[in-house]
Amino acid sequence: HGAEKRLVDAEEQIKELKANHPDTLASELDALSPKAPVEAIQAILHRIDDSAQKTARVYETLRVRATDMLVGRVRELESDVERVRGVNEKLVEEVREARGESSRLAEDKSRLQSEVRTPTCTQ
């Protein structure tokens, strides 16, 4: 039942879109004689207004969706930047620690070399 209803709704929307397509409306407007009844002109004008409102709603919906996508993507990128920043900070800290260890090892090496060069005789 639901699928049939959606199909009927879709067919109705297609008919309405065709009936209210700018080319169709323009043709109908052009086909009216300058002496056409006011009601006939107003009917086309009403359809034009309805179409414009529906089109505006569609574009507004698309605009909201695109904005949501953009906001989501920016948040994702900000999160990536924060994650990379955290990794970089850890690497900087590891480099500092390695330099400190390297300095300590260099001092130990110098001390050991000087001890080897000047052996102390304890007799």
PDB file of N, CA and C in Angstrom:
ATOM      1  N   HIS A   1       0.826  -1.193   0.000  1.00  0.00           N
ATOM      2  CA  HIS A   1       0.000   0.000   0.000  1.00  0.00           C
ATOM      3  C   HIS A   1       0.867   1.253   0.000  1.00  0.00           C
ATOM      4  N   GLY A   2       1.918   1.267   0.846  1.00  0.00           N
ATOM      5  CA  GLY A   2       2.797   2.430   0.965  1.00  0.00           C
ATOM      6  C   GLY A   2       3.528   2.730  -0.334  1.00  0.00           C
ATOM      7  N   ALA A   3       4.002   1.660  -0.998  1.00  0.00           N
ATOM      8  CA  ALA A   3       4.737   1.843  -2.251  1.00  0.00           C
ATOM      9  C   ALA A   3       3.819   2.387  -3.338  1.00  0.00           C
ATOM     10  N   GLU A   4       2.582   1.874  -3.385  1.00  0.00           N
ATOM     11  CA  GLU A   4       1.618   2.357  -4.385  1.00  0.00           C
ATOM     12  C   GLU A   4       1.302   3.832  -4.145  1.00  0.00           C
ATOM     13  N   LYS A   5       1.132   4.196  -2.882  1.00  0.00           N
ATOM     14  CA  LYS A   5       0.824   5.592  -2.537  1.00  0.00           C
ATOM     15  C   LYS A   5       1.968   6.509  -2.958  1.00  0.00           C
ATOM     16  N   ARG A   6       3.202   6.059  -2.675  1.00  0.00           N
ATOM     17  CA  ARG A   6       4.366   6.867  -3.062  1.00  0.00           C
ATOM     18  C   ARG A   6       4.446   7.010  -4.574  1.00  0.00           C
ATOM     19  N   LEU A   7       4.122   5.945  -5.292  1.00  0.00           N
ATOM     20  CA  LEU A   7       4.153   5.988  -6.756  1.00  0.00           C
ATOM     21  C   LEU A   7       3.115   6.975  -7.278  1.00  0.00           C
ATOM     22  N   VAL A   8       1.902   6.917  -6.722  1.00  0.00           N
ATOM     23  CA  VAL A   8       0.835   7.838  -7.132  1.00  0.00           C
ATOM     24  C   VAL A   8       1.243   9.275  -6.803  1.00  0.00           C
ATOM     25  N   ASP A   9       1.798   9.479  -5.598  1.00  0.00           N
ATOM     26  CA  ASP A   9       2.259  10.818  -5.209  1.00  0.00           C
ATOM     27  C   ASP A   9       3.330  11.324  -6.170  1.00  0.00           C
ATOM     28  N   ALA A  10       4.261  10.456  -6.513  1.00  0.00           N
ATOM     29  CA  ALA A  10       5.339  10.845  -7.428  1.00  0.00           C
ATOM     30  C   ALA A  10       4.776  11.209  -8.794  1.00  0.00           C
ATOM     31  N   GLU A  11       3.807  10.413  -9.272  1.00  0.00           N
ATOM     32  CA  GLU A  11       3.187  10.701 -10.572  1.00  0.00           C
ATOM     33  C   GLU A  11       2.455  12.039 -10.535  1.00  0.00           C
ATOM     34  N   GLU A  12       1.779  12.317  -9.427  1.00  0.00           N
ATOM     35  CA  GLU A  12       1.078  13.600  -9.277  1.00  0.00           C
ATOM     36  C   GLU A  12       2.071  14.766  -9.280  1.00  0.00           C
ATOM     37  N   GLN A  13       3.169  14.563  -8.580  1.00  0.00           N
ATOM     38  CA  GLN A  13       4.189  15.619  -8.539  1.00  0.00           C
ATOM     39  C   GLN A  13       4.767  15.867  -9.927  1.00  0.00           C
ATOM     40  N   ILE A  14       4.984  14.788 -10.681  1.00  0.00           N
ATOM     41  CA  ILE A  14       5.509  14.929 -12.046  1.00  0.00           C
ATOM     42  C   ILE A  14       4.516  15.699 -12.913  1.00  0.00           C
ATOM     43  N   LYS A  15       3.229  15.345 -12.812  1.00  0.00           N
ATOM     44  CA  LYS A  15       2.200  16.067 -13.581  1.00  0.00           C
ATOM     45  C   LYS A  15       2.185  17.545 -13.206  1.00  0.00           C
ATOM     46  N   GLU A  16       2.269  17.806 -11.892  1.00  0.00           N
ATOM     47  CA  GLU A  16       2.238  19.189 -11.417  1.00  0.00           C
ATOM     48  C   GLU A  16       3.466  19.956 -11.905  1.00  0.00           C
ATOM     49  N   LEU A  17       4.626  19.293 -11.851  1.00  0.00           N
ATOM     50  CA  LEU A  17       5.848  19.946 -12.322  1.00  0.00           C
ATOM     51  C   LEU A  17       5.764  20.270 -13.807  1.00  0.00           C
ATOM     52  N   LYS A  18       5.239  19.315 -14.581  1.00  0.00           N
ATOM     53  CA  LYS A  18       5.095  19.563 -16.025  1.00  0.00           C
ATOM     54  C   LYS A  18       4.111  20.696 -16.277  1.00  0.00           C
ATOM     55  N   ALA A  19       3.004  20.687 -15.549  1.00  0.00           N
ATOM     56  CA  ALA A  19       1.979  21.718 -15.740  1.00  0.00           C
ATOM     57  C   ALA A  19       2.494  23.091 -15.327  1.00  0.00           C
ATOM     58  N   ASN A  20       3.374  23.110 -14.338  1.00  0.00           N
ATOM     59  CA  ASN A  20       3.863  24.388 -13.817  1.00  0.00           C
ATOM     60  C   ASN A  20       5.314  24.671 -14.197  1.00  0.00           C
ATOM     61  N   HIS A  21       5.809  23.960 -15.204  1.00  0.00           N
ATOM     62  CA  HIS A  21       7.169  24.200 -15.689  1.00  0.00           C
ATOM     63  C   HIS A  21       7.214  25.592 -16.316  1.00  0.00           C
ATOM     64  N   PRO A  22       8.316  26.319 -16.130  1.00  0.00           N
ATOM     65  CA  PRO A  22       8.388  27.676 -16.693  1.00  0.00           C
ATOM     66  C   PRO A  22       8.059  27.743 -18.187  1.00  0.00           C
ATOM     67  N   ASP A  23       8.529  26.756 -18.949  1.00  0.00           N
ATOM     68  CA  ASP A  23       8.238  26.769 -20.397  1.00  0.00           C
ATOM     69  C   ASP A  23       6.741  26.617 -20.647  1.00  0.00           C
ATOM     70  N   THR A  24       6.109  25.719 -19.886  1.00  0.00           N
ATOM     71  CA  THR A  24       4.661  25.496 -20.045  1.00  0.00           C
ATOM     72  C   THR A  24       3.896  26.755 -19.663  1.00  0.00           C
ATOM     73  N   LEU A  25       4.246  27.317 -18.530  1.00  0.00           N
ATOM     74  CA  LEU A  25       3.564  28.533 -18.077  1.00  0.00           C
ATOM     75  C   LEU A  25       3.781  29.683 -19.061  1.00  0.00           C
ATOM     76  N   ALA A  26       4.994  29.801 -19.574  1.00  0.00           N
ATOM     77  CA  ALA A  26       5.281  30.862 -20.548  1.00  0.00           C
ATOM     78  C   ALA A  26       4.450  30.663 -21.812  1.00  0.00           C
ATOM     79  N   SER A  27       4.349  29.406 -22.261  1.00  0.00           N
ATOM     80  CA  SER A  27       3.553  29.117 -23.467  1.00  0.00           C
ATOM     81  C   SER A  27       2.087  29.462 -23.240  1.00  0.00           C
ATOM     82  N   GLU A  28       1.571  29.062 -22.067  1.00  0.00           N
ATOM     83  CA  GLU A  28       0.161  29.360 -21.768  1.00  0.00           C
ATOM     84  C   GLU A  28      -0.068  30.867 -21.690  1.00  0.00           C
ATOM     85  N   LEU A  29       0.877  31.571 -21.090  1.00  0.00           N
ATOM     86  CA  LEU A  29       0.759  33.021 -20.983  1.00  0.00           C
ATOM     87  C   LEU A  29       0.813  33.667 -22.373  1.00  0.00           C
ATOM     88  N   ASP A  30       1.740  33.184 -23.192  1.00  0.00           N
ATOM     89  CA  ASP A  30       1.864  33.709 -24.559  1.00  0.00           C
ATOM     90  C   ASP A  30       0.625  33.411 -25.388  1.00  0.00           C
ATOM     91  N   ALA A  31      -0.019  32.262 -25.098  1.00  0.00           N
ATOM     92  CA  ALA A  31      -1.192  31.850 -25.880  1.00  0.00           C
ATOM     93  C   ALA A  31      -2.428  32.689 -25.545  1.00  0.00           C
ATOM     94  N   LEU A  32      -2.407  33.314 -24.387  1.00  0.00           N
ATOM     95  CA  LEU A  32      -3.559  34.149 -24.020  1.00  0.00           C
ATOM     96  C   LEU A  32      -3.601  35.384 -24.920  1.00  0.00           C
ATOM     97  N   SER A  33      -4.791  35.741 -25.290  1.00  0.00           N
ATOM     98  CA  SER A  33      -4.914  36.966 -26.091  1.00  0.00           C
ATOM     99  C   SER A  33      -4.832  38.161 -25.154  1.00  0.00           C
ATOM    100  N   PRO A  34      -4.465  39.313 -25.681  1.00  0.00           N
ATOM    101  CA  PRO A  34      -4.407  40.504 -24.838  1.00  0.00           C
ATOM    102  C   PRO A  34      -5.755  40.806 -24.181  1.00  0.00           C
ATOM    103  N   LYS A  35      -6.831  40.281 -24.747  1.00  0.00           N
ATOM    104  CA  LYS A  35      -8.172  40.526 -24.208  1.00  0.00           C
ATOM    105  C   LYS A  35      -8.656  39.340 -23.363  1.00  0.00           C
ATOM    106  N   ALA A  36      -7.718  38.506 -22.906  1.00  0.00           N
ATOM    107  CA  ALA A  36      -8.097  37.318 -22.125  1.00  0.00           C
ATOM    108  C   ALA A  36      -8.781  37.754 -20.837  1.00  0.00           C
ATOM    109  N   PRO A  37      -9.670  36.879 -20.330  1.00  0.00           N
ATOM    110  CA  PRO A  37     -10.333  37.205 -19.065  1.00  0.00           C
ATOM    111  C   PRO A  37      -9.301  37.332 -17.937  1.00  0.00           C
ATOM    112  N   VAL A  38      -9.563  38.252 -17.031  1.00  0.00           N
ATOM    113  CA  VAL A  38      -8.686  38.483 -15.882  1.00  0.00           C
ATOM    114  C   VAL A  38      -8.464  37.182 -15.119  1.00  0.00           C
ATOM    115  N   GLU A  39      -9.514  36.374 -14.975  1.00  0.00           N
ATOM    116  CA  GLU A  39      -9.408  35.116 -14.224  1.00  0.00           C
ATOM    117  C   GLU A  39      -8.374  34.178 -14.844  1.00  0.00           C
ATOM    118  N   ALA A  40      -8.330  34.130 -16.178  1.00  0.00           N
ATOM    119  CA  ALA A  40      -7.376  33.237 -16.857  1.00  0.00           C
ATOM    120  C   ALA A  40      -5.940  33.686 -16.570  1.00  0.00           C
ATOM    121  N   ILE A  41      -5.705  34.990 -16.625  1.00  0.00           N
ATOM    122  CA  ILE A  41      -4.365  35.517 -16.336  1.00  0.00           C
ATOM    123  C   ILE A  41      -4.019  35.273 -14.863  1.00  0.00           C
ATOM    124  N   GLN A  42      -4.993  35.513 -13.973  1.00  0.00           N
ATOM    125  CA  GLN A  42      -4.762  35.303 -12.539  1.00  0.00           C
ATOM    126  C   GLN A  42      -4.472  33.833 -12.229  1.00  0.00           C
ATOM    127  N   ALA A  43      -5.144  32.916 -12.935  1.00  0.00           N
ATOM    128  CA  ALA A  43      -4.917  31.482 -12.701  1.00  0.00           C
ATOM    129  C   ALA A  43      -3.469  31.117 -13.030  1.00  0.00           C
ATOM    130  N   ILE A  44      -2.969  31.628 -14.159  1.00  0.00           N
ATOM    131  CA  ILE A  44      -1.574  31.348 -14.529  1.00  0.00           C
ATOM    132  C   ILE A  44      -0.632  32.016 -13.523  1.00  0.00           C
ATOM    133  N   LEU A  45      -0.946  33.245 -13.150  1.00  0.00           N
ATOM    134  CA  LEU A  45      -0.122  33.961 -12.174  1.00  0.00           C
ATOM    135  C   LEU A  45      -0.070  33.198 -10.841  1.00  0.00           C
ATOM    136  N   HIS A  46      -1.212  32.650 -10.436  1.00  0.00           N
ATOM    137  CA  HIS A  46      -1.274  31.862  -9.198  1.00  0.00           C
ATOM    138  C   HIS A  46      -0.372  30.626  -9.312  1.00  0.00           C
ATOM    139  N   ARG A  47      -0.422  29.950 -10.457  1.00  0.00           N
ATOM    140  CA  ARG A  47       0.439  28.769 -10.667  1.00  0.00           C
ATOM    141  C   ARG A  47       1.913  29.171 -10.667  1.00  0.00           C
ATOM    142  N   ILE A  48       2.213  30.335 -11.260  1.00  0.00           N
ATOM    143  CA  ILE A  48       3.603  30.821 -11.261  1.00  0.00           C
ATOM    144  C   ILE A  48       4.064  31.059  -9.824  1.00  0.00           C
ATOM    145  N   ASP A  49       3.232  31.728  -9.030  1.00  0.00           N
ATOM    146  CA  ASP A  49       3.579  31.993  -7.624  1.00  0.00           C
ATOM    147  C   ASP A  49       3.769  30.699  -6.838  1.00  0.00           C
ATOM    148  N   ASP A  50       2.847  29.733  -7.037  1.00  0.00           N
ATOM    149  CA  ASP A  50       2.968  28.440  -6.346  1.00  0.00           C
ATOM    150  C   ASP A  50       4.282  27.758  -6.702  1.00  0.00           C
ATOM    151  N   SER A  51       4.594  27.757  -7.990  1.00  0.00           N
ATOM    152  CA  SER A  51       5.838  27.118  -8.445  1.00  0.00           C
ATOM    153  C   SER A  51       7.048  27.818  -7.854  1.00  0.00           C
ATOM    154  N   ALA A  52       7.010  29.139  -7.838  1.00  0.00           N
ATOM    155  CA  ALA A  52       8.140  29.898  -7.285  1.00  0.00           C
ATOM    156  C   ALA A  52       8.331  29.572  -5.805  1.00  0.00           C
ATOM    157  N   GLN A  53       7.230  29.467  -5.059  1.00  0.00           N
ATOM    158  CA  GLN A  53       7.327  29.145  -3.628  1.00  0.00           C
ATOM    159  C   GLN A  53       7.869  27.735  -3.418  1.00  0.00           C
ATOM    160  N   LYS A  54       7.358  26.786  -4.215  1.00  0.00           N
ATOM    161  CA  LYS A  54       7.840  25.403  -4.081  1.00  0.00           C
ATOM    162  C   LYS A  54       9.318  25.323  -4.443  1.00  0.00           C
ATOM    163  N   THR A  55       9.694  26.015  -5.519  1.00  0.00           N
ATOM    164  CA  THR A  55      11.098  26.011  -5.929  1.00  0.00           C
ATOM    165  C   THR A  55      11.965  26.635  -4.840  1.00  0.00           C
ATOM    166  N   ALA A  56      11.501  27.734  -4.269  1.00  0.00           N
ATOM    167  CA  ALA A  56      12.256  28.389  -3.193  1.00  0.00           C
ATOM    168  C   ALA A  56      12.424  27.445  -2.006  1.00  0.00           C
ATOM    169  N   ARG A  57      11.369  26.689  -1.662  1.00  0.00           N
ATOM    170  CA  ARG A  57      11.461  25.740  -0.539  1.00  0.00           C
ATOM    171  C   ARG A  57      12.471  24.637  -0.855  1.00  0.00           C
ATOM    172  N   VAL A  58      12.440  24.153  -2.101  1.00  0.00           N
ATOM    173  CA  VAL A  58      13.389  23.104  -2.492  1.00  0.00           C
ATOM    174  C   VAL A  58      14.818  23.627  -2.365  1.00  0.00           C
ATOM    175  N   TYR A  59      15.050  24.822  -2.897  1.00  0.00           N
ATOM    176  CA  TYR A  59      16.400  25.383  -2.823  1.00  0.00           C
ATOM    177  C   TYR A  59      16.807  25.684  -1.388  1.00  0.00           C
ATOM    178  N   GLU A  60      15.879  26.126  -0.565  1.00  0.00           N
ATOM    179  CA  GLU A  60      16.193  26.397   0.845  1.00  0.00           C
ATOM    180  C   GLU A  60      16.557  25.092   1.556  1.00  0.00           C
ATOM    181  N   THR A  61      15.819  24.020   1.253  1.00  0.00           N
ATOM    182  CA  THR A  61      16.132  22.711   1.830  1.00  0.00           C
ATOM    183  C   THR A  61      17.525  22.264   1.399  1.00  0.00           C
ATOM    184  N   LEU A  62      17.822  22.432   0.116  1.00  0.00           N
ATOM    185  CA  LEU A  62      19.150  22.059  -0.387  1.00  0.00           C
ATOM    186  C   LEU A  62      20.237  22.915   0.266  1.00  0.00           C
ATOM    187  N   ARG A  63      19.948  24.188   0.441  1.00  0.00           N
ATOM    188  CA  ARG A  63      20.895  25.108   1.067  1.00  0.00           C
ATOM    189  C   ARG A  63      21.191  24.669   2.503  1.00  0.00           C
ATOM    190  N   VAL A  64      20.149  24.297   3.235  1.00  0.00           N
ATOM    191  CA  VAL A  64      20.323  23.829   4.615  1.00  0.00           C
ATOM    192  C   VAL A  64      21.161  22.554   4.633  1.00  0.00           C
ATOM    193  N   ARG A  65      20.847  21.621   3.723  1.00  0.00           N
ATOM    194  CA  ARG A  65      21.619  20.370   3.662  1.00  0.00           C
ATOM    195  C   ARG A  65      23.082  20.642   3.348  1.00  0.00           C
ATOM    196  N   ALA A  66      23.327  21.511   2.361  1.00  0.00           N
ATOM    197  CA  ALA A  66      24.710  21.830   1.985  1.00  0.00           C
ATOM    198  C   ALA A  66      25.439  22.515   3.139  1.00  0.00           C
ATOM    199  N   THR A  67      24.744  23.396   3.845  1.00  0.00           N
ATOM    200  CA  THR A  67      25.345  24.082   4.994  1.00  0.00           C
ATOM    201  C   THR A  67      25.686  23.076   6.088  1.00  0.00           C
ATOM    202  N   ASP A  68      24.759  22.148   6.360  1.00  0.00           N
ATOM    203  CA  ASP A  68      25.020  21.108   7.363  1.00  0.00           C
ATOM    204  C   ASP A  68      26.235  20.268   6.975  1.00  0.00           C
ATOM    205  N   MET A  69      26.320  19.921   5.684  1.00  0.00           N
ATOM    206  CA  MET A  69      27.463  19.137   5.211  1.00  0.00           C
ATOM    207  C   MET A  69      28.760  19.917   5.414  1.00  0.00           C
ATOM    208  N   LEU A  70      28.728  21.199   5.081  1.00  0.00           N
ATOM    209  CA  LEU A  70      29.916  22.037   5.212  1.00  0.00           C
ATOM    210  C   LEU A  70      30.340  22.160   6.674  1.00  0.00           C
ATOM    211  N   VAL A  71      29.381  22.400   7.560  1.00  0.00           N
ATOM    212  CA  VAL A  71      29.680  22.507   8.991  1.00  0.00           C
ATOM    213  C   VAL A  71      30.268  21.191   9.497  1.00  0.00           C
ATOM    214  N   GLY A  72      29.673  20.074   9.091  1.00  0.00           N
ATOM    215  CA  GLY A  72      30.184  18.769   9.505  1.00  0.00           C
ATOM    216  C   GLY A  72      31.606  18.536   9.029  1.00  0.00           C
ATOM    217  N   ARG A  73      31.862  18.917   7.786  1.00  0.00           N
ATOM    218  CA  ARG A  73      33.196  18.720   7.213  1.00  0.00           C
ATOM    219  C   ARG A  73      34.228  19.597   7.928  1.00  0.00           C
ATOM    220  N   VAL A  74      33.860  20.845   8.214  1.00  0.00           N
ATOM    221  CA  VAL A  74      34.776  21.750   8.917  1.00  0.00           C
ATOM    222  C   VAL A  74      35.089  21.194  10.307  1.00  0.00           C
ATOM    223  N   ARG A  75      34.058  20.697  10.997  1.00  0.00           N
ATOM    224  CA  ARG A  75      34.294  20.112  12.334  1.00  0.00           C
ATOM    225  C   ARG A  75      35.229  18.914  12.245  1.00  0.00           C
ATOM    226  N   GLU A  76      35.021  18.094  11.211  1.00  0.00           N
ATOM    227  CA  GLU A  76      35.871  16.921  11.011  1.00  0.00           C
ATOM    228  C   GLU A  76      37.325  17.356  10.775  1.00  0.00           C
ATOM    229  N   LEU A  77      37.508  18.373   9.942  1.00  0.00           N
ATOM    230  CA  LEU A  77      38.859  18.866   9.664  1.00  0.00           C
ATOM    231  C   LEU A  77      39.492  19.475  10.912  1.00  0.00           C
ATOM    232  N   GLU A  78      38.699  20.210  11.693  1.00  0.00           N
ATOM    233  CA  GLU A  78      39.221  20.774  12.943  1.00  0.00           C
ATOM    234  C   GLU A  78      39.668  19.663  13.883  1.00  0.00           C
ATOM    235  N   SER A  79      38.889  18.593  13.933  1.00  0.00           N
ATOM    236  CA  SER A  79      39.231  17.449  14.773  1.00  0.00           C
ATOM    237  C   SER A  79      40.536  16.811  14.287  1.00  0.00           C
ATOM    238  N   ASP A  80      40.670  16.688  12.958  1.00  0.00           N
ATOM    239  CA  ASP A  80      41.908  16.140  12.387  1.00  0.00           C
ATOM    240  C   ASP A  80      43.106  17.008  12.764  1.00  0.00           C
ATOM    241  N   VAL A  81      42.923  18.328  12.672  1.00  0.00           N
ATOM    242  CA  VAL A  81      44.006  19.259  13.011  1.00  0.00           C
ATOM    243  C   VAL A  81      44.396  19.085  14.479  1.00  0.00           C
ATOM    244  N   GLU A  82      43.407  18.991  15.363  1.00  0.00           N
ATOM    245  CA  GLU A  82      43.690  18.817  16.795  1.00  0.00           C
ATOM    246  C   GLU A  82      44.424  17.501  17.046  1.00  0.00           C
ATOM    247  N   ARG A  83      43.991  16.446  16.347  1.00  0.00           N
ATOM    248  CA  ARG A  83      44.640  15.142  16.514  1.00  0.00           C
ATOM    249  C   ARG A  83      46.096  15.221  16.056  1.00  0.00           C
ATOM    250  N   VAL A  84      46.326  15.828  14.884  1.00  0.00           N
ATOM    251  CA  VAL A  84      47.689  15.960  14.363  1.00  0.00           C
ATOM    252  C   VAL A  84      48.522  16.842  15.289  1.00  0.00           C
ATOM    253  N   ARG A  85      47.906  17.914  15.794  1.00  0.00           N
ATOM    254  CA  ARG A  85      48.608  18.801  16.726  1.00  0.00           C
ATOM    255  C   ARG A  85      49.048  18.006  17.963  1.00  0.00           C
ATOM    256  N   GLY A  86      48.164  17.144  18.463  1.00  0.00           N
ATOM    257  CA  GLY A  86      48.504  16.318  19.620  1.00  0.00           C
ATOM    258  C   GLY A  86      49.651  15.371  19.317  1.00  0.00           C
ATOM    259  N   VAL A  87      49.613  14.754  18.126  1.00  0.00           N
ATOM    260  CA  VAL A  87      50.696  13.851  17.717  1.00  0.00           C
ATOM    261  C   VAL A  87      52.003  14.633  17.624  1.00  0.00           C
ATOM    262  N   ASN A  88      51.945  15.824  17.019  1.00  0.00           N
ATOM    263  CA  ASN A  88      53.151  16.651  16.885  1.00  0.00           C
ATOM    264  C   ASN A  88      53.710  17.035  18.250  1.00  0.00           C
ATOM    265  N   GLU A  89      52.832  17.399  19.178  1.00  0.00           N
ATOM    266  CA  GLU A  89      53.294  17.760  20.521  1.00  0.00           C
ATOM    267  C   GLU A  89      53.983  16.580  21.193  1.00  0.00           C
ATOM    268  N   LYS A  90      53.428  15.375  21.003  1.00  0.00           N
ATOM    269  CA  LYS A  90      54.061  14.180  21.573  1.00  0.00           C
ATOM    270  C   LYS A  90      55.437  13.961  20.950  1.00  0.00           C
ATOM    271  N   LEU A  91      55.514  14.143  19.619  1.00  0.00           N
ATOM    272  CA  LEU A  91      56.800  13.959  18.941  1.00  0.00           C
ATOM    273  C   LEU A  91      57.828  14.987  19.418  1.00  0.00           C
ATOM    274  N   VAL A  92      57.399  16.233  19.588  1.00  0.00           N
ATOM    275  CA  VAL A  92      58.306  17.276  20.088  1.00  0.00           C
ATOM    276  C   VAL A  92      58.815  16.885  21.474  1.00  0.00           C
ATOM    277  N   GLU A  93      57.934  16.403  22.323  1.00  0.00           N
ATOM    278  CA  GLU A  93      58.330  15.987  23.673  1.00  0.00           C
ATOM    279  C   GLU A  93      59.306  14.811  23.604  1.00  0.00           C
ATOM    280  N   GLU A  94      59.033  13.854  22.706  1.00  0.00           N
ATOM    281  CA  GLU A  94      59.940  12.709  22.557  1.00  0.00           C
ATOM    282  C   GLU A  94      61.313  13.163  22.070  1.00  0.00           C
ATOM    283  N   VAL A  95      61.340  14.132  21.146  1.00  0.00           N
ATOM    284  CA  VAL A  95      62.620  14.657  20.651  1.00  0.00           C
ATOM    285  C   VAL A  95      63.371  15.338  21.793  1.00  0.00           C
ATOM    286  N   ARG A  96      62.661  16.131  22.604  1.00  0.00           N
ATOM    287  CA  ARG A  96      63.300  16.789  23.762  1.00  0.00           C
ATOM    288  C   ARG A  96      63.901  15.745  24.706  1.00  0.00           C
ATOM    289  N   GLU A  97      63.113  14.708  24.986  1.00  0.00           N
ATOM    290  CA  GLU A  97      63.604  13.656  25.882  1.00  0.00           C
ATOM    291  C   GLU A  97      64.820  12.963  25.279  1.00  0.00           C
ATOM    292  N   ALA A  98      64.757  12.702  23.964  1.00  0.00           N
ATOM    293  CA  ALA A  98      65.876  12.034  23.295  1.00  0.00           C
ATOM    294  C   ALA A  98      67.120  12.924  23.325  1.00  0.00           C
ATOM    295  N   ARG A  99      66.937  14.237  23.133  1.00  0.00           N
ATOM    296  CA  ARG A  99      68.081  15.160  23.199  1.00  0.00           C
ATOM    297  C   ARG A  99      68.669  15.175  24.609  1.00  0.00           C
ATOM    298  N   GLY A 100      67.800  15.180  25.598  1.00  0.00           N
ATOM    299  CA  GLY A 100      68.275  15.152  26.984  1.00  0.00           C
ATOM    300  C   GLY A 100      69.055  13.881  27.262  1.00  0.00           C
ATOM    301  N   GLU A 101      68.514  12.768  26.802  1.00  0.00           N
ATOM    302  CA  GLU A 101      69.192  11.481  26.991  1.00  0.00           C
ATOM    303  C   GLU A 101      70.516  11.479  26.235  1.00  0.00           C
ATOM    304  N   SER A 102      70.505  12.041  25.036  1.00  0.00           N
ATOM    305  CA  SER A 102      71.721  12.120  24.231  1.00  0.00           C
ATOM    306  C   SER A 102      72.779  12.958  24.948  1.00  0.00           C
ATOM    307  N   SER A 103      72.353  14.074  25.543  1.00  0.00           N
ATOM    308  CA  SER A 103      73.295  14.926  26.296  1.00  0.00           C
ATOM    309  C   SER A 103      73.869  14.164  27.480  1.00  0.00           C
ATOM    310  N   ARG A 104      73.001  13.449  28.183  1.00  0.00           N
ATOM    311  CA  ARG A 104      73.483  12.667  29.334  1.00  0.00           C
ATOM    312  C   ARG A 104      74.472  11.592  28.878  1.00  0.00           C
ATOM    313  N   LEU A 105      74.146  10.943  27.771  1.00  0.00           N
ATOM    314  CA  LEU A 105      75.046   9.902  27.260  1.00  0.00           C
ATOM    315  C   LEU A 105      76.375  10.507  26.818  1.00  0.00           C
ATOM    316  N   ALA A 106      76.327  11.690  26.189  1.00  0.00           N
ATOM    317  CA  ALA A 106      77.566  12.353  25.760  1.00  0.00           C
ATOM    318  C   ALA A 106      78.412  12.712  26.978  1.00  0.00           C
ATOM    319  N   GLU A 107      77.773  13.192  28.042  1.00  0.00           N
ATOM    320  CA  GLU A 107      78.499  13.518  29.280  1.00  0.00           C
ATOM    321  C   GLU A 107      79.117  12.258  29.879  1.00  0.00           C
ATOM    322  N   ASP A 108      78.320  11.174  29.897  1.00  0.00           N
ATOM    323  CA  ASP A 108      78.837   9.903  30.424  1.00  0.00           C
ATOM    324  C   ASP A 108      80.027   9.431  29.599  1.00  0.00           C
ATOM    325  N   LYS A 109      79.912   9.570  28.276  1.00  0.00           N
ATOM    326  CA  LYS A 109      80.985   9.131  27.382  1.00  0.00           C
ATOM    327  C   LYS A 109      82.249   9.942  27.666  1.00  0.00           C
ATOM    328  N   SER A 110      82.091  11.270  27.777  1.00  0.00           N
ATOM    329  CA  SER A 110      83.250  12.134  28.064  1.00  0.00           C
ATOM    330  C   SER A 110      83.887  11.744  29.390  1.00  0.00           C
ATOM    331  N   ARG A 111      83.047  11.528  30.388  1.00  0.00           N
ATOM    332  CA  ARG A 111      83.555  11.162  31.701  1.00  0.00           C
ATOM    333  C   ARG A 111      84.301   9.833  31.633  1.00  0.00           C
ATOM    334  N   LEU A 112      83.698   8.869  30.936  1.00  0.00           N
ATOM    335  CA  LEU A 112      84.343   7.554  30.824  1.00  0.00           C
ATOM    336  C   LEU A 112      85.652   7.649  30.054  1.00  0.00           C
ATOM    337  N   GLN A 113      85.648   8.452  28.973  1.00  0.00           N
ATOM    338  CA  GLN A 113      86.885   8.593  28.196  1.00  0.00           C
ATOM    339  C   GLN A 113      87.985   9.240  29.041  1.00  0.00           C
ATOM    340  N   SER A 114      87.609  10.245  29.823  1.00  0.00           N
ATOM    341  CA  SER A 114      88.634  10.900  30.656  1.00  0.00           C
ATOM    342  C   SER A 114      89.116   9.944  31.747  1.00  0.00           C
ATOM    343  N   GLU A 115      88.238   9.098  32.234  1.00  0.00           N
ATOM    344  CA  GLU A 115      88.649   8.118  33.245  1.00  0.00           C
ATOM    345  C   GLU A 115      89.578   7.087  32.637  1.00  0.00           C
ATOM    346  N   VAL A 116      89.330   6.718  31.377  1.00  0.00           N
ATOM    347  CA  VAL A 116      90.178   5.718  30.717  1.00  0.00           C
ATOM    348  C   VAL A 116      91.550   6.324  30.435  1.00  0.00           C
ATOM    349  N   ARG A 117      91.605   7.596  30.064  1.00  0.00           N
ATOM    350  CA  ARG A 117      92.874   8.256  29.752  1.00  0.00           C
ATOM    351  C   ARG A 117      93.712   8.479  31.023  1.00  0.00           C
ATOM    352  N   THR A 118      93.067   8.754  32.106  1.00  0.00           N
ATOM    353  CA  THR A 118      93.808   9.016  33.351  1.00  0.00           C
ATOM    354  C   THR A 118      93.422   7.968  34.385  1.00  0.00           C
ATOM    355  N   PRO A 119      93.999   6.793  34.216  1.00  0.00           N
ATOM    356  CA  PRO A 119      93.651   5.738  35.175  1.00  0.00           C
ATOM    357  C   PRO A 119      94.166   6.109  36.569  1.00  0.00           C
ATOM    358  N   THR A 120      93.378   5.809  37.492  1.00  0.00           N
ATOM    359  CA  THR A 120      93.770   6.082  38.877  1.00  0.00           C
ATOM    360  C   THR A 120      94.372   4.814  39.459  1.00  0.00           C
ATOM    361  N   CYS A 121      95.518   4.979  40.039  1.00  0.00           N
ATOM    362  CA  CYS A 121      96.181   3.823  40.637  1.00  0.00           C
ATOM    363  C   CYS A 121      95.870   3.800  42.120  1.00  0.00           C
ATOM    364  N   THR A 122      95.218   2.791  42.493  1.00  0.00           N
ATOM    365  CA  THR A 122      94.892   2.640  43.908  1.00  0.00           C
ATOM    366  C   THR A 122      95.615   1.410  44.424  1.00  0.00           C
ATOM    367  N   GLN A 123      96.767   1.645  44.995  1.00  0.00           N
ATOM    368  CA  GLN A 123      97.534   0.514  45.517  1.00  0.00           C
ATOM    369  C   GLN A 123      97.876   0.690  46.943  1.00  0.00           C
TER     370      GLN A 123
END
